[in-house]
Amino acid sequence: MDHISDIKLIRTDTTLDLSQKAEKGILLEDLFLVQRSFLPNALNYKIIVPSLKRLSLIAPLKLNNVSEVVIDTPLLKSLQIINRSGSLSFSEPMNNSEVLKANIDVILKRPEKLLHSLASIVHIRLCLSDSEVVYPHGCCFHRLKYLEVCTCKSEWFLLFMRLLQDSPVLKVIKINQCHPAINPHHHQSNQPVSVPRCLSSNLEIFEWIKYEGTQHERELSTYILKTAVFLKKASFTARSDGYKEKLQMLQELSFSRRASSTCELVFN
């Protein structure tokens, strides 16, 4: 059985269709696609690869044209999309119901088609910007166990709370700021009416990196601590290097009520 090792897409409208080659035993399992900044026009492309298992779509920061992408990869297991130029658009949901792990770091005005296509995901890292509609109501991430969310955009909280409600078997939560903050002081910290199932039944690890101890962050942290019944470890890494600031944050968290009597509180 032959494997394809190198493919170059240089036209502005490209369809990569390897379905016929797959029937002949020629397989492509890994695809790393980089959009070059020197292209004068948007690169609109379709990726139709029945055998593909790992896909990476990378774009530089400075791109002015919006590219439309269609992905038809039914056996895909791992997906990485990095595009913070706002130059990416998904014209239709992806055909990749087998994706288990994803790293999504994009600026999308309407990311719901992308997230709706990842309903079977097990492990995901998300940084979504410029979005109000995160994904359709009724979408359940019934297999999601590991969730990492970036806090660089103020709307992250809306996405995070939706995912808490819609990810019943979630075991690990990691909160981190991976990029410079945008509108850092604008938050809507309304807590859910009912405790999410993942907190009452499954969550074991909660980690917050670059924790500042703001009122919003304290409210969210204490809410998780007092509702996560099976929490084993809660870890906080402070942004501040000051001893007094760290001590105050540690005291505030250590005095908060915890639903799990065996939860270990770690402050770095």
Protein backbone atom coordinates (compact mmCIF):
# COMPACT_ATOMS: atom_id res chain seq x y z
CA MET A 1 0.00 0.00 0.00
CA ASP A 2 1.50 3.36 -1.08
CA HIS A 3 1.48 6.60 0.92
CA ILE A 4 1.61 10.16 -0.41
CA SER A 5 4.25 12.24 1.35
CA ASP A 6 4.19 15.70 -0.28
CA ILE A 7 1.46 17.82 -1.88
CA LYS A 8 1.62 21.48 -2.91
CA LEU A 9 -1.52 23.59 -3.39
CA ILE A 10 -0.71 26.84 -5.21
CA ARG A 11 -3.90 27.85 -7.05
CA THR A 12 -6.42 30.20 -5.47
CA ASP A 13 -9.28 27.74 -5.95
CA THR A 14 -8.18 24.19 -5.28
CA THR A 15 -9.85 20.85 -4.70
CA LEU A 16 -7.70 18.14 -3.14
CA ASP A 17 -9.72 15.01 -3.91
CA LEU A 18 -7.91 11.75 -3.26
CA SER A 19 -10.96 9.52 -3.06
CA GLN A 20 -10.09 7.71 -6.29
CA LYS A 21 -6.48 7.22 -5.25
CA ALA A 22 -7.66 5.75 -1.94
CA GLU A 23 -9.62 3.15 -3.88
CA LYS A 24 -6.35 2.18 -5.56
CA GLY A 25 -4.54 1.80 -2.23
CA ILE A 26 -2.70 5.15 -2.37
CA LEU A 27 -3.27 6.79 1.00
CA LEU A 28 -2.65 10.21 2.53
CA GLU A 29 -2.82 10.12 6.32
CA ASP A 30 -1.08 13.40 7.29
CA LEU A 31 -1.63 16.82 5.71
CA PHE A 32 0.05 20.06 6.86
CA LEU A 33 -1.35 22.97 4.83
CA VAL A 34 0.20 26.45 5.20
CA GLN A 35 -1.45 29.46 3.59
CA ARG A 36 1.25 31.79 2.25
CA SER A 37 0.96 35.54 2.85
CA PHE A 38 2.24 36.43 -0.63
CA LEU A 39 -0.81 35.02 -2.43
CA PRO A 40 -2.68 37.95 -4.06
CA ASN A 41 -6.12 36.36 -3.71
CA ALA A 42 -7.97 34.24 -1.18
CA LEU A 43 -7.21 30.53 -1.29
CA ASN A 44 -10.53 28.69 -1.42
CA TYR A 45 -10.05 24.97 -1.14
CA LYS A 46 -11.80 21.68 -0.61
CA ILE A 47 -10.05 18.81 1.14
CA ILE A 48 -11.61 15.47 0.22
CA VAL A 49 -9.35 12.74 1.56
CA PRO A 50 -11.06 9.55 2.82
CA SER A 51 -7.85 8.18 4.37
CA LEU A 52 -6.69 11.35 6.16
CA LYS A 53 -6.08 10.95 9.92
CA ARG A 54 -4.21 14.15 10.87
CA LEU A 55 -4.82 17.62 9.42
CA SER A 56 -3.17 20.99 10.18
CA LEU A 57 -4.28 24.30 8.63
CA ILE A 58 -1.90 27.16 9.42
CA ALA A 59 -2.04 30.81 8.31
CA PRO A 60 0.23 33.82 9.02
CA LEU A 61 -1.07 36.74 11.08
CA LYS A 62 -1.34 39.22 8.20
CA LEU A 63 -3.81 38.04 5.58
CA ASN A 64 -6.40 40.35 4.05
CA ASN A 65 -8.48 37.91 2.02
CA VAL A 66 -11.02 35.51 3.49
CA SER A 67 -10.56 31.88 2.45
CA GLU A 68 -13.44 29.43 2.39
CA VAL A 69 -12.66 25.87 3.40
CA VAL A 70 -14.60 22.65 2.93
CA ILE A 71 -13.28 19.57 4.72
CA ASP A 72 -14.48 16.05 3.89
CA THR A 73 -12.28 13.66 5.88
CA PRO A 74 -14.45 10.96 7.51
CA LEU A 75 -11.53 9.13 9.21
CA LEU A 76 -9.84 12.22 10.66
CA LYS A 77 -8.60 11.74 14.24
CA SER A 78 -6.57 14.91 14.90
CA LEU A 79 -7.27 18.47 13.73
CA GLN A 80 -5.19 21.62 14.18
CA ILE A 81 -6.34 25.03 12.89
CA ILE A 82 -4.28 28.14 13.63
CA ASN A 83 -5.51 31.32 11.96
CA ARG A 84 -5.67 34.58 13.91
CA SER A 85 -5.87 36.85 10.86
CA GLY A 86 -9.64 36.48 10.50
CA SER A 87 -9.09 35.13 7.00
CA LEU A 88 -10.82 31.75 7.41
CA SER A 89 -14.43 30.78 6.81
CA PHE A 90 -16.23 27.43 6.86
CA SER A 91 -18.99 27.43 4.27
CA GLU A 92 -20.45 24.14 5.52
CA PRO A 93 -20.00 21.69 8.43
CA MET A 94 -17.05 19.34 8.18
CA ASN A 95 -17.50 15.64 7.47
CA ASN A 96 -15.22 14.29 10.19
CA SER A 97 -17.31 12.58 12.83
CA GLU A 98 -14.32 10.59 14.16
CA VAL A 99 -12.13 13.51 15.35
CA LEU A 100 -10.80 12.79 18.85
CA LYS A 101 -8.33 15.64 19.42
CA ALA A 102 -8.37 19.23 18.19
CA ASN A 103 -6.39 22.44 18.64
CA ILE A 104 -8.53 25.36 17.43
CA ASP A 105 -6.88 28.79 17.57
CA VAL A 106 -8.83 31.02 15.20
CA ILE A 107 -10.69 34.27 14.72
CA LEU A 108 -14.08 33.38 13.26
CA LYS A 109 -17.16 35.58 13.17
CA ARG A 110 -19.44 32.53 12.96
CA PRO A 111 -17.69 29.46 14.37
CA GLU A 112 -20.80 27.37 14.91
CA LYS A 113 -20.29 25.20 11.80
CA LEU A 114 -16.79 24.38 12.94
CA LEU A 115 -17.75 23.49 16.52
CA HIS A 116 -20.87 21.58 15.46
CA SER A 117 -18.57 19.34 13.40
CA LEU A 118 -16.56 18.46 16.52
CA ALA A 119 -19.37 16.95 18.57
CA SER A 120 -17.46 13.65 18.95
CA ILE A 121 -14.29 15.32 20.24
CA VAL A 122 -12.52 13.89 23.31
CA HIS A 123 -9.67 16.39 23.79
CA ILE A 124 -9.89 20.03 22.66
CA ARG A 125 -8.01 23.29 23.07
CA LEU A 126 -10.06 26.34 22.07
CA CYS A 127 -9.28 29.98 21.41
CA LEU A 128 -12.16 31.63 19.57
CA SER A 129 -12.37 35.38 18.97
CA ASP A 130 -14.96 37.81 17.60
CA SER A 131 -17.87 35.44 18.12
CA GLU A 132 -21.29 35.72 19.69
CA VAL A 133 -22.86 32.52 18.39
CA VAL A 134 -20.60 29.70 19.55
CA TYR A 135 -22.48 26.62 18.36
CA PRO A 136 -26.11 25.56 17.85
CA HIS A 137 -28.28 24.90 20.90
CA GLY A 138 -28.86 21.20 21.44
CA CYS A 139 -25.32 20.23 20.40
CA CYS A 140 -23.83 17.89 23.03
CA PHE A 141 -20.14 17.07 23.37
CA HIS A 142 -20.95 13.69 24.87
CA ARG A 143 -17.35 12.33 24.66
CA LEU A 144 -15.38 15.42 25.66
CA LYS A 145 -13.06 14.69 28.61
CA TYR A 146 -10.31 17.33 28.30
CA LEU A 147 -11.10 21.01 27.73
CA GLU A 148 -8.62 23.89 27.51
CA VAL A 149 -9.99 27.40 26.93
CA CYS A 150 -8.03 30.59 26.21
CA THR A 151 -9.17 33.76 28.02
CA CYS A 152 -7.67 36.37 25.68
CA LYS A 153 -11.12 37.50 24.43
CA SER A 154 -13.78 38.58 26.91
CA GLU A 155 -16.37 36.33 25.24
CA TRP A 156 -14.50 33.25 26.37
CA PHE A 157 -16.73 32.98 29.43
CA LEU A 158 -19.87 32.51 27.32
CA LEU A 159 -18.23 29.68 25.40
CA PHE A 160 -16.85 28.11 28.57
CA MET A 161 -20.19 28.04 30.41
CA ARG A 162 -21.95 26.60 27.36
CA LEU A 163 -19.35 23.84 27.16
CA LEU A 164 -19.74 23.07 30.87
CA GLN A 165 -23.45 22.52 30.36
CA ASP A 166 -23.03 20.47 27.18
CA SER A 167 -20.05 18.25 28.15
CA PRO A 168 -21.41 15.76 30.69
CA VAL A 169 -18.31 13.52 31.00
CA LEU A 170 -15.70 16.27 31.24
CA LYS A 171 -12.83 15.26 33.56
CA VAL A 172 -10.13 17.91 33.03
CA ILE A 173 -10.51 21.69 32.67
CA LYS A 174 -7.61 24.00 31.91
CA ILE A 175 -7.99 27.80 31.67
CA ASN A 176 -5.13 29.81 30.21
CA GLN A 177 -4.45 33.12 28.47
CA CYS A 178 -2.44 32.24 25.38
CA HIS A 179 -2.52 35.69 23.71
CA PRO A 180 -2.67 39.36 24.80
CA ALA A 181 -6.06 40.15 26.34
CA ILE A 182 -8.79 41.98 24.37
CA ASN A 183 -11.41 43.81 26.48
CA PRO A 184 -10.04 42.08 29.60
CA HIS A 185 -12.42 43.78 32.05
CA HIS A 186 -15.65 43.06 30.20
CA HIS A 187 -17.16 39.86 31.56
CA GLN A 188 -20.61 38.41 32.01
CA SER A 189 -20.24 36.09 34.99
CA ASN A 190 -23.77 34.76 35.34
CA GLN A 191 -23.65 31.28 36.81
CA PRO A 192 -25.90 28.52 35.46
CA VAL A 193 -29.28 27.92 37.10
CA SER A 194 -28.54 24.22 37.56
CA VAL A 195 -25.16 22.60 38.27
CA PRO A 196 -23.67 21.14 35.07
CA ARG A 197 -23.55 17.36 35.09
CA CYS A 198 -19.78 17.30 34.56
CA LEU A 199 -19.29 19.15 37.86
CA SER A 200 -21.67 16.98 39.85
CA SER A 201 -20.46 13.67 38.40
CA ASN A 202 -17.09 13.64 36.61
CA LEU A 203 -14.69 16.58 36.88
CA GLU A 204 -11.39 15.55 38.54
CA ILE A 205 -8.78 18.16 37.52
CA PHE A 206 -9.17 21.95 37.38
CA GLU A 207 -6.19 24.12 36.39
CA TRP A 208 -5.98 27.89 35.93
CA ILE A 209 -2.80 29.40 34.47
CA LYS A 210 -2.09 33.16 34.72
CA TYR A 211 -4.66 33.50 37.48
CA GLU A 212 -5.03 37.13 38.63
CA GLY A 213 -7.59 36.77 41.40
CA THR A 214 -10.04 39.31 39.97
CA GLN A 215 -13.62 39.23 41.20
CA HIS A 216 -14.73 37.47 38.02
CA GLU A 217 -11.99 34.84 38.34
CA ARG A 218 -12.70 34.29 42.03
CA GLU A 219 -16.42 33.82 41.39
CA LEU A 220 -15.81 31.23 38.68
CA SER A 221 -13.13 29.39 40.68
CA THR A 222 -15.16 29.21 43.88
CA TYR A 223 -18.23 28.09 41.91
CA ILE A 224 -16.32 25.14 40.47
CA LEU A 225 -14.77 24.29 43.85
CA LYS A 226 -18.13 24.24 45.62
CA THR A 227 -19.94 22.21 42.94
CA ALA A 228 -17.32 19.73 41.64
CA VAL A 229 -18.13 16.76 43.85
CA PHE A 230 -15.37 14.43 42.60
CA LEU A 231 -12.62 17.03 42.13
CA LYS A 232 -9.19 15.60 43.00
CA LYS A 233 -6.93 18.56 42.27
CA ALA A 234 -7.36 22.31 41.72
CA SER A 235 -4.20 24.08 40.57
CA PHE A 236 -3.68 27.84 40.20
CA THR A 237 -0.61 29.51 38.68
CA ALA A 238 -0.52 33.22 39.52
CA ARG A 239 0.34 35.85 36.95
CA SER A 240 1.77 38.12 39.66
CA ASP A 241 5.25 37.56 41.07
CA GLY A 242 4.50 39.51 44.25
CA TYR A 243 4.52 37.47 47.45
CA LYS A 244 1.70 39.42 49.13
CA GLU A 245 -0.56 39.17 46.10
CA LYS A 246 0.02 35.42 45.83
CA LEU A 247 -0.60 34.93 49.55
CA GLN A 248 -3.88 36.85 49.39
CA MET A 249 -5.10 34.84 46.41
CA LEU A 250 -4.13 31.58 48.10
CA GLN A 251 -5.98 32.52 51.29
CA GLU A 252 -9.12 33.48 49.38
CA LEU A 253 -9.18 30.15 47.58
CA SER A 254 -8.20 28.02 50.57
CA PHE A 255 -11.05 29.45 52.65
CA SER A 256 -13.65 28.82 49.96
CA ARG A 257 -16.03 25.88 50.36
CA ARG A 258 -15.19 22.69 48.48
CA ALA A 259 -17.68 19.99 47.54
CA SER A 260 -14.93 17.37 47.43
CA SER A 261 -13.33 16.57 50.78
CA THR A 262 -10.35 14.97 49.01
CA CYS A 263 -9.58 17.88 46.67
CA GLU A 264 -5.93 18.99 46.74
CA LEU A 265 -5.48 22.75 46.33
CA VAL A 266 -2.18 23.71 44.66
CA PHE A 267 -0.97 27.28 44.21
CA ASN A 268 2.10 27.91 42.03
